[in-house]
Amino acid sequence: MSLKDIIQNESIEDVLTLLAPNSDYRKLDRLYTYTRFEAITSGELSLTFDELFRKGILQDHNGEIIKDPNWKEPKFVTEQKYDFK
């Protein structure tokens, strides 16, 4: 399975929880622009991103997105739904 499959099949919250600590917003925006454009046009990507900060899952550390103490691997990762090799 590819990253495209994950973006198309998993919740935005779960995808951002996994990818945001290793990416900047522009890269994530681009991924969704090419694979799930409705998440951009509806504003859902941006709103979900902001919600993850409010929930204490992500935090901004001098301009870098890092995992907050409330961060947990999304269920699709712990269940090994996709091969991440």
PDB file of N, CA and C in Angstrom:
ATOM      1  N   MET A   1       0.846  -1.180   0.000  1.00  0.00           N
ATOM      2  CA  MET A   1       0.000   0.000   0.000  1.00  0.00           C
ATOM      3  C   MET A   1       0.891   1.243   0.000  1.00  0.00           C
ATOM      4  N   SER A   2       0.362   2.279  -0.574  1.00  0.00           N
ATOM      5  CA  SER A   2       1.116   3.517  -0.701  1.00  0.00           C
ATOM      6  C   SER A   2       0.578   4.580   0.261  1.00  0.00           C
ATOM      7  N   LEU A   3       1.297   5.663   0.351  1.00  0.00           N
ATOM      8  CA  LEU A   3       0.855   6.800   1.150  1.00  0.00           C
ATOM      9  C   LEU A   3      -0.481   7.322   0.614  1.00  0.00           C
ATOM     10  N   LYS A   4      -0.650   7.262  -0.679  1.00  0.00           N
ATOM     11  CA  LYS A   4      -1.914   7.680  -1.292  1.00  0.00           C
ATOM     12  C   LYS A   4      -3.074   6.845  -0.748  1.00  0.00           C
ATOM     13  N   ASP A   5      -2.878   5.545  -0.605  1.00  0.00           N
ATOM     14  CA  ASP A   5      -3.918   4.676  -0.056  1.00  0.00           C
ATOM     15  C   ASP A   5      -4.263   5.063   1.381  1.00  0.00           C
ATOM     16  N   ILE A   6      -3.259   5.377   2.152  1.00  0.00           N
ATOM     17  CA  ILE A   6      -3.480   5.765   3.552  1.00  0.00           C
ATOM     18  C   ILE A   6      -4.294   7.052   3.606  1.00  0.00           C
ATOM     19  N   ILE A   7      -3.921   8.032   2.803  1.00  0.00           N
ATOM     20  CA  ILE A   7      -4.635   9.315   2.798  1.00  0.00           C
ATOM     21  C   ILE A   7      -6.079   9.137   2.341  1.00  0.00           C
ATOM     22  N   GLN A   8      -6.308   8.275   1.379  1.00  0.00           N
ATOM     23  CA  GLN A   8      -7.663   8.068   0.867  1.00  0.00           C
ATOM     24  C   GLN A   8      -8.525   7.253   1.829  1.00  0.00           C
ATOM     25  N   ASN A   9      -7.923   6.359   2.613  1.00  0.00           N
ATOM     26  CA  ASN A   9      -8.701   5.416   3.415  1.00  0.00           C
ATOM     27  C   ASN A   9      -8.777   5.722   4.907  1.00  0.00           C
ATOM     28  N   GLU A  10      -7.908   6.564   5.409  1.00  0.00           N
ATOM     29  CA  GLU A  10      -7.867   6.840   6.848  1.00  0.00           C
ATOM     30  C   GLU A  10      -8.354   8.249   7.138  1.00  0.00           C
ATOM     31  N   SER A  11      -8.725   8.480   8.383  1.00  0.00           N
ATOM     32  CA  SER A  11      -9.208   9.810   8.771  1.00  0.00           C
ATOM     33  C   SER A  11      -8.073  10.827   8.688  1.00  0.00           C
ATOM     34  N   ILE A  12      -8.461  12.054   8.431  1.00  0.00           N
ATOM     35  CA  ILE A  12      -7.470  13.128   8.363  1.00  0.00           C
ATOM     36  C   ILE A  12      -6.744  13.237   9.701  1.00  0.00           C
ATOM     37  N   GLU A  13      -7.470  13.112  10.791  1.00  0.00           N
ATOM     38  CA  GLU A  13      -6.850  13.198  12.111  1.00  0.00           C
ATOM     39  C   GLU A  13      -5.762  12.140  12.289  1.00  0.00           C
ATOM     40  N   ASP A  14      -6.050  10.915  11.889  1.00  0.00           N
ATOM     41  CA  ASP A  14      -5.058   9.849  12.036  1.00  0.00           C
ATOM     42  C   ASP A  14      -3.845  10.068  11.140  1.00  0.00           C
ATOM     43  N   VAL A  15      -4.074  10.507   9.916  1.00  0.00           N
ATOM     44  CA  VAL A  15      -2.958  10.742   8.996  1.00  0.00           C
ATOM     45  C   VAL A  15      -2.074  11.879   9.507  1.00  0.00           C
ATOM     46  N   LEU A  16      -2.693  12.966   9.946  1.00  0.00           N
ATOM     47  CA  LEU A  16      -1.908  14.089  10.475  1.00  0.00           C
ATOM     48  C   LEU A  16      -1.178  13.707  11.762  1.00  0.00           C
ATOM     49  N   THR A  17      -1.816  12.917  12.596  1.00  0.00           N
ATOM     50  CA  THR A  17      -1.168  12.469  13.829  1.00  0.00           C
ATOM     51  C   THR A  17       0.112  11.716  13.499  1.00  0.00           C
ATOM     52  N   LEU A  18       0.076  10.908  12.473  1.00  0.00           N
ATOM     53  CA  LEU A  18       1.251  10.137  12.083  1.00  0.00           C
ATOM     54  C   LEU A  18       2.293  10.986  11.360  1.00  0.00           C
ATOM     55  N   LEU A  19       1.866  11.785  10.399  1.00  0.00           N
ATOM     56  CA  LEU A  19       2.805  12.459   9.509  1.00  0.00           C
ATOM     57  C   LEU A  19       3.257  13.846   9.951  1.00  0.00           C
ATOM     58  N   ALA A  20       2.435  14.575  10.667  1.00  0.00           N
ATOM     59  CA  ALA A  20       2.760  15.968  10.989  1.00  0.00           C
ATOM     60  C   ALA A  20       4.070  16.132  11.757  1.00  0.00           C
ATOM     61  N   PRO A  21       4.399  15.258  12.721  1.00  0.00           N
ATOM     62  CA  PRO A  21       5.680  15.454  13.408  1.00  0.00           C
ATOM     63  C   PRO A  21       6.911  15.309  12.505  1.00  0.00           C
ATOM     64  N   ASN A  22       6.749  14.789  11.308  1.00  0.00           N
ATOM     65  CA  ASN A  22       7.876  14.607  10.390  1.00  0.00           C
ATOM     66  C   ASN A  22       7.767  15.459   9.133  1.00  0.00           C
ATOM     67  N   SER A  23       6.755  16.294   9.050  1.00  0.00           N
ATOM     68  CA  SER A  23       6.506  17.073   7.837  1.00  0.00           C
ATOM     69  C   SER A  23       6.095  18.487   8.209  1.00  0.00           C
ATOM     70  N   ASP A  24       6.204  19.375   7.244  1.00  0.00           N
ATOM     71  CA  ASP A  24       5.637  20.697   7.491  1.00  0.00           C
ATOM     72  C   ASP A  24       4.270  20.770   6.810  1.00  0.00           C
ATOM     73  N   TYR A  25       3.509  21.771   7.170  1.00  0.00           N
ATOM     74  CA  TYR A  25       2.132  21.873   6.698  1.00  0.00           C
ATOM     75  C   TYR A  25       2.048  21.929   5.178  1.00  0.00           C
ATOM     76  N   ARG A  26       2.997  22.600   4.537  1.00  0.00           N
ATOM     77  CA  ARG A  26       2.960  22.731   3.071  1.00  0.00           C
ATOM     78  C   ARG A  26       3.040  21.368   2.380  1.00  0.00           C
ATOM     79  N   LYS A  27       3.872  20.479   2.912  1.00  0.00           N
ATOM     80  CA  LYS A  27       3.983  19.136   2.324  1.00  0.00           C
ATOM     81  C   LYS A  27       2.689  18.352   2.517  1.00  0.00           C
ATOM     82  N   LEU A  28       2.109  18.466   3.697  1.00  0.00           N
ATOM     83  CA  LEU A  28       0.848  17.774   3.966  1.00  0.00           C
ATOM     84  C   LEU A  28      -0.266  18.320   3.081  1.00  0.00           C
ATOM     85  N   ASP A  29      -0.302  19.624   2.925  1.00  0.00           N
ATOM     86  CA  ASP A  29      -1.293  20.268   2.070  1.00  0.00           C
ATOM     87  C   ASP A  29      -1.159  19.747   0.647  1.00  0.00           C
ATOM     88  N   ARG A  30       0.066  19.635   0.176  1.00  0.00           N
ATOM     89  CA  ARG A  30       0.314  19.147  -1.178  1.00  0.00           C
ATOM     90  C   ARG A  30      -0.153  17.696  -1.341  1.00  0.00           C
ATOM     91  N   LEU A  31       0.132  16.860  -0.351  1.00  0.00           N
ATOM     92  CA  LEU A  31      -0.321  15.468  -0.399  1.00  0.00           C
ATOM     93  C   LEU A  31      -1.840  15.390  -0.550  1.00  0.00           C
ATOM     94  N   TYR A  32      -2.531  16.194   0.220  1.00  0.00           N
ATOM     95  CA  TYR A  32      -3.995  16.182   0.153  1.00  0.00           C
ATOM     96  C   TYR A  32      -4.513  16.840  -1.117  1.00  0.00           C
ATOM     97  N   THR A  33      -3.800  17.808  -1.645  1.00  0.00           N
ATOM     98  CA  THR A  33      -4.212  18.446  -2.898  1.00  0.00           C
ATOM     99  C   THR A  33      -4.269  17.419  -4.019  1.00  0.00           C
ATOM    100  N   TYR A  34      -3.298  16.511  -4.026  1.00  0.00           N
ATOM    101  CA  TYR A  34      -3.225  15.518  -5.107  1.00  0.00           C
ATOM    102  C   TYR A  34      -4.070  14.273  -4.870  1.00  0.00           C
ATOM    103  N   THR A  35      -4.409  13.974  -3.625  1.00  0.00           N
ATOM    104  CA  THR A  35      -5.084  12.703  -3.364  1.00  0.00           C
ATOM    105  C   THR A  35      -6.488  12.833  -2.781  1.00  0.00           C
ATOM    106  N   ARG A  36      -6.765  13.935  -2.119  1.00  0.00           N
ATOM    107  CA  ARG A  36      -8.073  14.090  -1.460  1.00  0.00           C
ATOM    108  C   ARG A  36      -8.412  15.577  -1.393  1.00  0.00           C
ATOM    109  N   PHE A  37      -8.569  16.172  -2.557  1.00  0.00           N
ATOM    110  CA  PHE A  37      -8.711  17.626  -2.690  1.00  0.00           C
ATOM    111  C   PHE A  37      -9.868  18.197  -1.888  1.00  0.00           C
ATOM    112  N   GLU A  38     -10.935  17.424  -1.719  1.00  0.00           N
ATOM    113  CA  GLU A  38     -12.100  17.934  -0.981  1.00  0.00           C
ATOM    114  C   GLU A  38     -11.748  18.280   0.466  1.00  0.00           C
ATOM    115  N   ALA A  39     -10.722  17.667   1.018  1.00  0.00           N
ATOM    116  CA  ALA A  39     -10.290  18.000   2.381  1.00  0.00           C
ATOM    117  C   ALA A  39      -9.684  19.401   2.434  1.00  0.00           C
ATOM    118  N   ILE A  40      -9.137  19.845   1.325  1.00  0.00           N
ATOM    119  CA  ILE A  40      -8.581  21.201   1.231  1.00  0.00           C
ATOM    120  C   ILE A  40      -9.704  22.210   1.025  1.00  0.00           C
ATOM    121  N   THR A  41     -10.540  21.950   0.033  1.00  0.00           N
ATOM    122  CA  THR A  41     -11.574  22.923  -0.318  1.00  0.00           C
ATOM    123  C   THR A  41     -12.609  23.106   0.781  1.00  0.00           C
ATOM    124  N   SER A  42     -12.860  22.063   1.555  1.00  0.00           N
ATOM    125  CA  SER A  42     -13.836  22.172   2.644  1.00  0.00           C
ATOM    126  C   SER A  42     -13.234  22.819   3.894  1.00  0.00           C
ATOM    127  N   GLY A  43     -11.908  22.915   3.940  1.00  0.00           N
ATOM    128  CA  GLY A  43     -11.244  23.453   5.121  1.00  0.00           C
ATOM    129  C   GLY A  43     -10.992  22.408   6.196  1.00  0.00           C
ATOM    130  N   GLU A  44     -11.381  21.166   5.930  1.00  0.00           N
ATOM    131  CA  GLU A  44     -11.259  20.109   6.937  1.00  0.00           C
ATOM    132  C   GLU A  44      -9.809  19.837   7.323  1.00  0.00           C
ATOM    133  N   LEU A  45      -8.891  19.899   6.370  1.00  0.00           N
ATOM    134  CA  LEU A  45      -7.484  19.640   6.685  1.00  0.00           C
ATOM    135  C   LEU A  45      -6.963  20.663   7.692  1.00  0.00           C
ATOM    136  N   SER A  46      -7.203  21.910   7.427  1.00  0.00           N
ATOM    137  CA  SER A  46      -6.742  22.980   8.308  1.00  0.00           C
ATOM    138  C   SER A  46      -7.405  22.915   9.680  1.00  0.00           C
ATOM    139  N   LEU A  47      -8.707  22.694   9.705  1.00  0.00           N
ATOM    140  CA  LEU A  47      -9.428  22.605  10.977  1.00  0.00           C
ATOM    141  C   LEU A  47      -8.943  21.421  11.820  1.00  0.00           C
ATOM    142  N   THR A  48      -8.699  20.295  11.175  1.00  0.00           N
ATOM    143  CA  THR A  48      -8.227  19.112  11.888  1.00  0.00           C
ATOM    144  C   THR A  48      -6.828  19.342  12.436  1.00  0.00           C
ATOM    145  N   PHE A  49      -5.997  19.971  11.657  1.00  0.00           N
ATOM    146  CA  PHE A  49      -4.637  20.299  12.087  1.00  0.00           C
ATOM    147  C   PHE A  49      -4.678  21.163  13.348  1.00  0.00           C
ATOM    148  N   ASP A  50      -5.501  22.205  13.319  1.00  0.00           N
ATOM    149  CA  ASP A  50      -5.646  23.086  14.484  1.00  0.00           C
ATOM    150  C   ASP A  50      -6.187  22.324  15.694  1.00  0.00           C
ATOM    151  N   GLU A  51      -7.124  21.420  15.463  1.00  0.00           N
ATOM    152  CA  GLU A  51      -7.716  20.634  16.548  1.00  0.00           C
ATOM    153  C   GLU A  51      -6.676  19.736  17.221  1.00  0.00           C
ATOM    154  N   LEU A  52      -5.750  19.200  16.465  1.00  0.00           N
ATOM    155  CA  LEU A  52      -4.701  18.351  17.048  1.00  0.00           C
ATOM    156  C   LEU A  52      -3.813  19.151  18.002  1.00  0.00           C
ATOM    157  N   PHE A  53      -3.610  20.409  17.722  1.00  0.00           N
ATOM    158  CA  PHE A  53      -2.861  21.277  18.646  1.00  0.00           C
ATOM    159  C   PHE A  53      -3.682  21.541  19.902  1.00  0.00           C
ATOM    160  N   ARG A  54      -4.967  21.813  19.727  1.00  0.00           N
ATOM    161  CA  ARG A  54      -5.831  22.077  20.883  1.00  0.00           C
ATOM    162  C   ARG A  54      -5.969  20.861  21.793  1.00  0.00           C
ATOM    163  N   LYS A  55      -6.007  19.667  21.197  1.00  0.00           N
ATOM    164  CA  LYS A  55      -6.129  18.431  21.975  1.00  0.00           C
ATOM    165  C   LYS A  55      -4.829  18.017  22.665  1.00  0.00           C
ATOM    166  N   GLY A  56      -3.744  18.699  22.340  1.00  0.00           N
ATOM    167  CA  GLY A  56      -2.465  18.335  22.940  1.00  0.00           C
ATOM    168  C   GLY A  56      -1.831  17.104  22.314  1.00  0.00           C
ATOM    169  N   ILE A  57      -2.156  16.840  21.059  1.00  0.00           N
ATOM    170  CA  ILE A  57      -1.556  15.714  20.347  1.00  0.00           C
ATOM    171  C   ILE A  57      -0.285  16.184  19.630  1.00  0.00           C
ATOM    172  N   LEU A  58      -0.334  17.395  19.114  1.00  0.00           N
ATOM    173  CA  LEU A  58       0.815  18.018  18.474  1.00  0.00           C
ATOM    174  C   LEU A  58       1.120  19.339  19.170  1.00  0.00           C
ATOM    175  N   GLN A  59       2.358  19.777  19.054  1.00  0.00           N
ATOM    176  CA  GLN A  59       2.698  21.095  19.551  1.00  0.00           C
ATOM    177  C   GLN A  59       3.757  21.734  18.667  1.00  0.00           C
ATOM    178  N   ASP A  60       3.799  23.048  18.700  1.00  0.00           N
ATOM    179  CA  ASP A  60       4.786  23.814  17.945  1.00  0.00           C
ATOM    180  C   ASP A  60       5.965  24.085  18.869  1.00  0.00           C
ATOM    181  N   HIS A  61       7.122  23.654  18.444  1.00  0.00           N
ATOM    182  CA  HIS A  61       8.341  23.873  19.222  1.00  0.00           C
ATOM    183  C   HIS A  61       9.305  24.672  18.347  1.00  0.00           C
ATOM    184  N   ASN A  62       9.278  25.994  18.514  1.00  0.00           N
ATOM    185  CA  ASN A  62      10.124  26.896  17.731  1.00  0.00           C
ATOM    186  C   ASN A  62       9.944  26.692  16.230  1.00  0.00           C
ATOM    187  N   GLY A  63       8.692  26.577  15.795  1.00  0.00           N
ATOM    188  CA  GLY A  63       8.390  26.424  14.381  1.00  0.00           C
ATOM    189  C   GLY A  63       8.420  24.991  13.868  1.00  0.00           C
ATOM    190  N   GLU A  64       8.805  24.065  14.707  1.00  0.00           N
ATOM    191  CA  GLU A  64       8.826  22.651  14.333  1.00  0.00           C
ATOM    192  C   GLU A  64       7.668  21.929  15.010  1.00  0.00           C
ATOM    193  N   ILE A  65       6.963  21.117  14.264  1.00  0.00           N
ATOM    194  CA  ILE A  65       5.845  20.358  14.830  1.00  0.00           C
ATOM    195  C   ILE A  65       6.402  19.108  15.485  1.00  0.00           C
ATOM    196  N   ILE A  66       6.073  18.953  16.761  1.00  0.00           N
ATOM    197  CA  ILE A  66       6.536  17.778  17.504  1.00  0.00           C
ATOM    198  C   ILE A  66       5.347  17.095  18.177  1.00  0.00           C
ATOM    199  N   LYS A  67       5.601  15.888  18.638  1.00  0.00           N
ATOM    200  CA  LYS A  67       4.567  15.130  19.351  1.00  0.00           C
ATOM    201  C   LYS A  67       4.391  15.719  20.743  1.00  0.00           C
ATOM    202  N   ASP A  68       3.145  15.906  21.140  1.00  0.00           N
ATOM    203  CA  ASP A  68       2.827  16.355  22.483  1.00  0.00           C
ATOM    204  C   ASP A  68       2.687  15.112  23.375  1.00  0.00           C
ATOM    205  N   PRO A  69       2.696  15.268  24.690  1.00  0.00           N
ATOM    206  CA  PRO A  69       2.550  14.099  25.574  1.00  0.00           C
ATOM    207  C   PRO A  69       1.299  13.259  25.318  1.00  0.00           C
ATOM    208  N   ASN A  70       0.240  13.835  24.743  1.00  0.00           N
ATOM    209  CA  ASN A  70      -0.978  13.077  24.454  1.00  0.00           C
ATOM    210  C   ASN A  70      -0.933  12.320  23.127  1.00  0.00           C
ATOM    211  N   TRP A  71       0.203  12.380  22.418  1.00  0.00           N
ATOM    212  CA  TRP A  71       0.321  11.735  21.116  1.00  0.00           C
ATOM    213  C   TRP A  71       0.335  10.218  21.276  1.00  0.00           C
ATOM    214  N   LYS A  72      -0.432   9.542  20.435  1.00  0.00           N
ATOM    215  CA  LYS A  72      -0.450   8.079  20.364  1.00  0.00           C
ATOM    216  C   LYS A  72      -0.467   7.680  18.901  1.00  0.00           C
ATOM    217  N   GLU A  73       0.143   6.557  18.589  1.00  0.00           N
ATOM    218  CA  GLU A  73       0.089   6.081  17.217  1.00  0.00           C
ATOM    219  C   GLU A  73      -1.360   5.831  16.821  1.00  0.00           C
ATOM    220  N   PRO A  74      -1.726   6.203  15.609  1.00  0.00           N
ATOM    221  CA  PRO A  74      -3.079   5.913  15.144  1.00  0.00           C
ATOM    222  C   PRO A  74      -3.316   4.400  15.109  1.00  0.00           C
ATOM    223  N   LYS A  75      -4.562   4.029  15.211  1.00  0.00           N
ATOM    224  CA  LYS A  75      -4.947   2.622  15.262  1.00  0.00           C
ATOM    225  C   LYS A  75      -4.453   1.848  14.037  1.00  0.00           C
ATOM    226  N   PHE A  76      -4.496   2.473  12.853  1.00  0.00           N
ATOM    227  CA  PHE A  76      -4.065   1.751  11.656  1.00  0.00           C
ATOM    228  C   PHE A  76      -2.574   1.415  11.706  1.00  0.00           C
ATOM    229  N   VAL A  77      -1.804   2.146  12.499  1.00  0.00           N
ATOM    230  CA  VAL A  77      -0.381   1.830  12.664  1.00  0.00           C
ATOM    231  C   VAL A  77      -0.205   0.697  13.668  1.00  0.00           C
ATOM    232  N   THR A  78      -0.859   0.807  14.811  1.00  0.00           N
ATOM    233  CA  THR A  78      -0.707  -0.233  15.831  1.00  0.00           C
ATOM    234  C   THR A  78      -1.250  -1.574  15.362  1.00  0.00           C
ATOM    235  N   GLU A  79      -2.255  -1.532  14.499  1.00  0.00           N
ATOM    236  CA  GLU A  79      -2.821  -2.773  13.948  1.00  0.00           C
ATOM    237  C   GLU A  79      -2.040  -3.276  12.738  1.00  0.00           C
ATOM    238  N   GLN A  80      -1.028  -2.532  12.331  1.00  0.00           N
ATOM    239  CA  GLN A  80      -0.188  -2.879  11.172  1.00  0.00           C
ATOM    240  C   GLN A  80      -1.021  -3.126   9.917  1.00  0.00           C
ATOM    241  N   LYS A  81      -1.949  -2.214   9.694  1.00  0.00           N
ATOM    242  CA  LYS A  81      -2.850  -2.315   8.550  1.00  0.00           C
ATOM    243  C   LYS A  81      -2.102  -2.149   7.219  1.00  0.00           C
ATOM    244  N   TYR A  82      -1.043  -1.354   7.243  1.00  0.00           N
ATOM    245  CA  TYR A  82      -0.260  -1.089   6.035  1.00  0.00           C
ATOM    246  C   TYR A  82       1.178  -1.530   6.273  1.00  0.00           C
ATOM    247  N   ASP A  83       1.840  -1.903   5.193  1.00  0.00           N
ATOM    248  CA  ASP A  83       3.244  -2.292   5.253  1.00  0.00           C
ATOM    249  C   ASP A  83       4.079  -1.020   5.071  1.00  0.00           C
ATOM    250  N   PHE A  84       4.798  -0.617   6.099  1.00  0.00           N
ATOM    251  CA  PHE A  84       5.561   0.640   6.049  1.00  0.00           C
ATOM    252  C   PHE A  84       7.019   0.437   5.662  1.00  0.00           C
ATOM    253  N   LYS A  85       7.335  -0.611   4.956  1.00  0.00           N
ATOM    254  CA  LYS A  85       8.718  -0.868   4.534  1.00  0.00           C
ATOM    255  C   LYS A  85       9.135   0.074   3.454  1.00  0.00           C
TER     256      LYS A  85
END
